[in-house]
Protein backbone atom coordinates (compact mmCIF):
# COMPACT_ATOMS: atom_id res chain seq x y z
CA GLN A 1 5.73 -23.79 -3.36
CA VAL A 2 5.65 -20.92 -5.85
CA GLN A 3 8.70 -19.00 -7.03
CA LEU A 4 8.77 -15.42 -8.29
CA VAL A 5 11.46 -14.15 -10.65
CA GLU A 6 11.88 -10.46 -11.40
CA SER A 7 13.69 -8.99 -14.38
CA GLY A 8 13.98 -5.76 -16.32
CA GLY A 9 16.05 -3.64 -13.99
CA GLY A 10 19.03 -1.64 -15.13
CA VAL A 11 20.71 1.74 -15.20
CA VAL A 12 18.78 4.63 -16.70
CA GLN A 13 19.07 8.39 -16.74
CA ALA A 14 16.56 10.55 -14.93
CA GLY A 15 13.44 10.93 -17.04
CA GLY A 16 13.87 7.51 -18.59
CA SER A 17 11.69 4.42 -18.41
CA LEU A 18 11.98 0.78 -17.45
CA ARG A 19 9.54 -2.11 -17.44
CA LEU A 20 9.91 -4.71 -14.74
CA SER A 21 8.49 -8.22 -15.03
CA CYS A 22 7.68 -10.76 -12.33
CA VAL A 23 7.09 -14.30 -13.55
CA ALA A 24 5.49 -16.82 -11.21
CA SER A 25 6.20 -20.54 -11.43
CA ARG A 26 2.48 -21.25 -11.52
CA ASN A 27 -0.72 -19.28 -11.99
CA ILE A 28 -1.23 -17.06 -8.98
CA THR A 29 -1.79 -13.73 -10.71
CA SER A 30 -5.44 -14.55 -11.43
CA THR A 31 -6.22 -15.49 -7.83
CA ARG A 32 -3.79 -13.49 -5.69
CA ASN A 33 -2.90 -9.85 -5.29
CA MET A 34 0.57 -9.04 -6.57
CA TYR A 35 2.70 -6.38 -4.93
CA TRP A 36 5.75 -4.42 -6.02
CA TYR A 37 8.11 -3.23 -3.30
CA ARG A 38 11.38 -1.36 -3.50
CA GLN A 39 14.29 -1.18 -1.10
CA ALA A 40 16.74 1.67 -1.14
CA PRO A 41 19.97 1.13 0.83
CA GLY A 42 18.76 0.14 4.30
CA PRO A 43 16.42 -2.47 5.77
CA ARG A 44 13.04 -0.96 4.94
CA ARG A 45 10.99 -2.07 1.94
CA GLU A 46 8.44 0.36 0.56
CA LEU A 47 5.25 -0.83 -1.09
CA VAL A 48 4.95 1.07 -4.36
CA ALA A 49 2.23 -0.75 -6.31
CA THR A 50 -0.57 -3.26 -5.78
CA ILE A 51 -2.27 -5.23 -8.54
CA THR A 52 -5.31 -7.07 -7.26
CA ALA A 53 -6.50 -10.43 -8.55
CA THR A 54 -9.26 -8.60 -10.40
CA GLY A 55 -6.80 -6.19 -12.00
CA CYS A 56 -7.34 -3.10 -9.90
CA THR A 57 -4.25 -1.09 -9.08
CA SER A 58 -3.09 1.30 -6.39
CA TYR A 59 0.15 3.19 -5.87
CA SER A 60 2.18 4.98 -3.27
CA ASP A 61 2.11 8.75 -3.49
CA SER A 62 5.77 8.76 -4.46
CA VAL A 63 5.12 6.93 -7.76
CA LYS A 64 1.51 7.79 -8.55
CA GLY A 65 1.16 9.11 -12.08
CA ARG A 66 4.52 7.70 -13.15
CA PHE A 67 4.30 3.95 -12.50
CA THR A 68 1.71 1.56 -13.87
CA GLY A 69 1.10 -1.97 -12.68
CA SER A 70 -0.44 -4.63 -14.88
CA LYS A 71 -0.54 -8.38 -15.33
CA ASP A 72 -0.97 -11.10 -17.89
CA ASN A 73 -2.60 -14.10 -16.27
CA ALA A 74 -1.90 -16.33 -19.27
CA LYS A 75 1.83 -15.70 -18.79
CA TYR A 76 1.73 -15.87 -14.96
CA THR A 77 3.37 -12.44 -15.07
CA ALA A 78 2.98 -9.10 -13.32
CA TYR A 79 4.55 -5.95 -14.69
CA LEU A 80 5.60 -2.55 -13.42
CA GLN A 81 5.99 0.13 -16.08
CA MET A 82 8.09 2.95 -14.67
CA ASN A 83 8.19 6.27 -16.49
CA ASP A 84 9.79 9.62 -15.72
CA LEU A 85 12.23 7.91 -13.39
CA LYS A 86 13.96 9.95 -10.71
CA PRO A 87 17.19 9.32 -8.78
CA GLU A 88 15.11 8.64 -5.67
CA ASP A 89 13.54 5.66 -7.47
CA THR A 90 16.88 3.88 -7.20
CA GLY A 91 16.73 0.61 -5.31
CA VAL A 92 16.08 -3.10 -5.54
CA TYR A 93 12.57 -3.87 -6.74
CA TYR A 94 10.81 -6.99 -5.49
CA CYS A 95 7.53 -8.59 -6.37
CA ASN A 96 5.57 -10.29 -3.65
CA SER A 97 2.41 -12.24 -3.01
CA TRP A 98 0.75 -14.22 -0.28
CA VAL A 99 0.35 -17.92 -1.02
CA GLY A 100 -0.84 -20.51 1.46
CA GLY A 101 -0.61 -18.03 4.32
CA SER A 102 3.03 -17.18 3.62
CA GLN A 103 4.67 -14.25 1.90
CA VAL A 104 6.60 -15.15 -1.23
CA TRP A 105 9.37 -12.87 -2.50
CA GLY A 106 11.40 -12.84 -5.65
CA GLN A 107 15.16 -12.27 -5.64
CA GLY A 108 14.77 -8.63 -6.71
CA THR A 109 16.03 -6.59 -9.65
CA GLN A 110 18.24 -3.52 -9.29
CA VAL A 111 17.09 -0.18 -10.68
CA THR A 112 19.60 2.66 -10.74
CA VAL A 113 18.57 6.12 -11.90
CA SER A 114 21.37 8.58 -12.56
CA SER A 115 20.89 12.32 -12.43
């Protein structure tokens, strides 16, 4: 079983930046797609970034041009660089992957953007 641990969240003013990290307990970043989701108050999680096993990235329209996903396979880590943050980016950010046919989620890291 693999575990994912996110870190890097915090409170930042609008226009600021944060870098989130997601460390896996074993090497999955080189063989699995990694996903970043966020959840504002409410049950729905929004997919904001995808980092494929080959390093390709894609983003939701709401973050395109401001967020950048990356990974370091040697460190078993995926990253989400978030620039020009807006109050609507506030939420809990989770990393996610599919391993052995099951979705694996981290515990999440809170991002709060003040106006």
